[in-house]
Amino acid sequence: MAGERIFEYAVICNPTREQAKEGAKAVMVLPPKHIMAVNPDEVTLRAAKEIPEEYEDKLDRLEVAVRPF
């Protein structure tokens, strides 16, 4: 693809408000990875495909952090 750039991304699962009040912290679901992509939206889509099945019921708490490298 023309115009691809390097991006870095990670996926984080944030605790619910109740869990946070009890001291729970965010969990890194996918550690930082580098990828070639055209834009951040493509990176987010590709990262979403890598989310483990055990987090499928927590999608509303997942955060995909993306930045250009």
Protein backbone atom coordinates (compact mmCIF):
# COMPACT_ATOMS: atom_id res chain seq x y z
CA MET A 1 0.00 0.00 0.00
CA ALA A 2 1.23 3.46 -0.81
CA GLY A 3 1.60 5.91 2.01
CA GLU A 4 2.05 3.41 4.82
CA ARG A 5 3.71 4.62 8.01
CA ILE A 6 4.93 2.94 11.18
CA PHE A 7 2.55 2.96 14.15
CA GLU A 8 2.78 1.59 17.65
CA TYR A 9 -0.27 0.23 19.46
CA ALA A 10 -1.29 -1.53 22.65
CA VAL A 11 -4.62 -2.74 24.04
CA ILE A 12 -5.59 -2.00 27.64
CA CYS A 13 -8.54 -3.26 29.70
CA ASN A 14 -9.71 -0.67 32.22
CA PRO A 15 -11.47 -1.70 35.44
CA THR A 16 -15.10 -0.83 36.09
CA ARG A 17 -15.77 2.05 38.51
CA GLU A 18 -16.59 -0.45 41.23
CA GLN A 19 -13.40 -2.39 40.62
CA ALA A 20 -11.36 0.84 40.57
CA LYS A 21 -12.82 1.83 43.96
CA GLU A 22 -11.58 -1.52 45.27
CA GLY A 23 -8.09 -0.77 43.96
CA ALA A 24 -8.11 -2.66 40.66
CA LYS A 25 -5.74 -1.37 37.99
CA ALA A 26 -5.81 -1.45 34.21
CA VAL A 27 -4.44 -4.61 32.55
CA MET A 28 -2.39 -4.68 29.36
CA VAL A 29 -4.19 -7.11 27.05
CA LEU A 30 -1.72 -6.73 24.17
CA PRO A 31 1.74 -5.28 24.81
CA PRO A 32 3.04 -2.52 22.52
CA LYS A 33 3.58 -3.65 18.94
CA HIS A 34 4.74 -1.94 15.77
CA ILE A 35 2.79 -2.13 12.53
CA MET A 36 2.82 -0.60 9.07
CA ALA A 37 -0.51 1.02 8.19
CA VAL A 38 -2.03 3.89 6.23
CA ASN A 39 -3.80 5.56 9.18
CA PRO A 40 -4.67 5.09 12.88
CA ASP A 41 -8.12 3.70 12.02
CA GLU A 42 -6.53 0.79 10.17
CA VAL A 43 -4.26 0.14 13.15
CA THR A 44 -7.24 0.10 15.53
CA LEU A 45 -9.13 -2.35 13.32
CA ARG A 46 -6.17 -4.69 13.02
CA ALA A 47 -5.48 -4.50 16.77
CA ALA A 48 -9.13 -5.35 17.51
CA LYS A 49 -8.73 -8.58 15.55
CA GLU A 50 -5.95 -9.66 17.93
CA ILE A 51 -7.96 -9.27 21.14
CA PRO A 52 -8.13 -12.62 22.95
CA GLU A 53 -11.53 -14.32 23.29
CA GLU A 54 -11.45 -13.98 27.07
CA TYR A 55 -11.98 -10.22 26.67
CA GLU A 56 -14.94 -10.40 24.26
CA ASP A 57 -17.36 -9.72 27.12
CA LYS A 58 -15.34 -6.66 28.19
CA LEU A 59 -15.16 -4.77 24.89
CA ASP A 60 -16.71 -1.66 26.43
CA ARG A 61 -13.72 -1.44 28.79
CA LEU A 62 -10.99 -1.99 26.21
CA GLU A 63 -8.86 0.87 24.95
CA VAL A 64 -6.68 0.67 21.86
CA ALA A 65 -3.83 3.15 22.27
CA VAL A 66 -2.30 4.14 18.90
CA ARG A 67 0.51 6.53 18.09
CA PRO A 68 2.64 7.19 15.04
CA PHE A 69 6.18 5.96 15.49
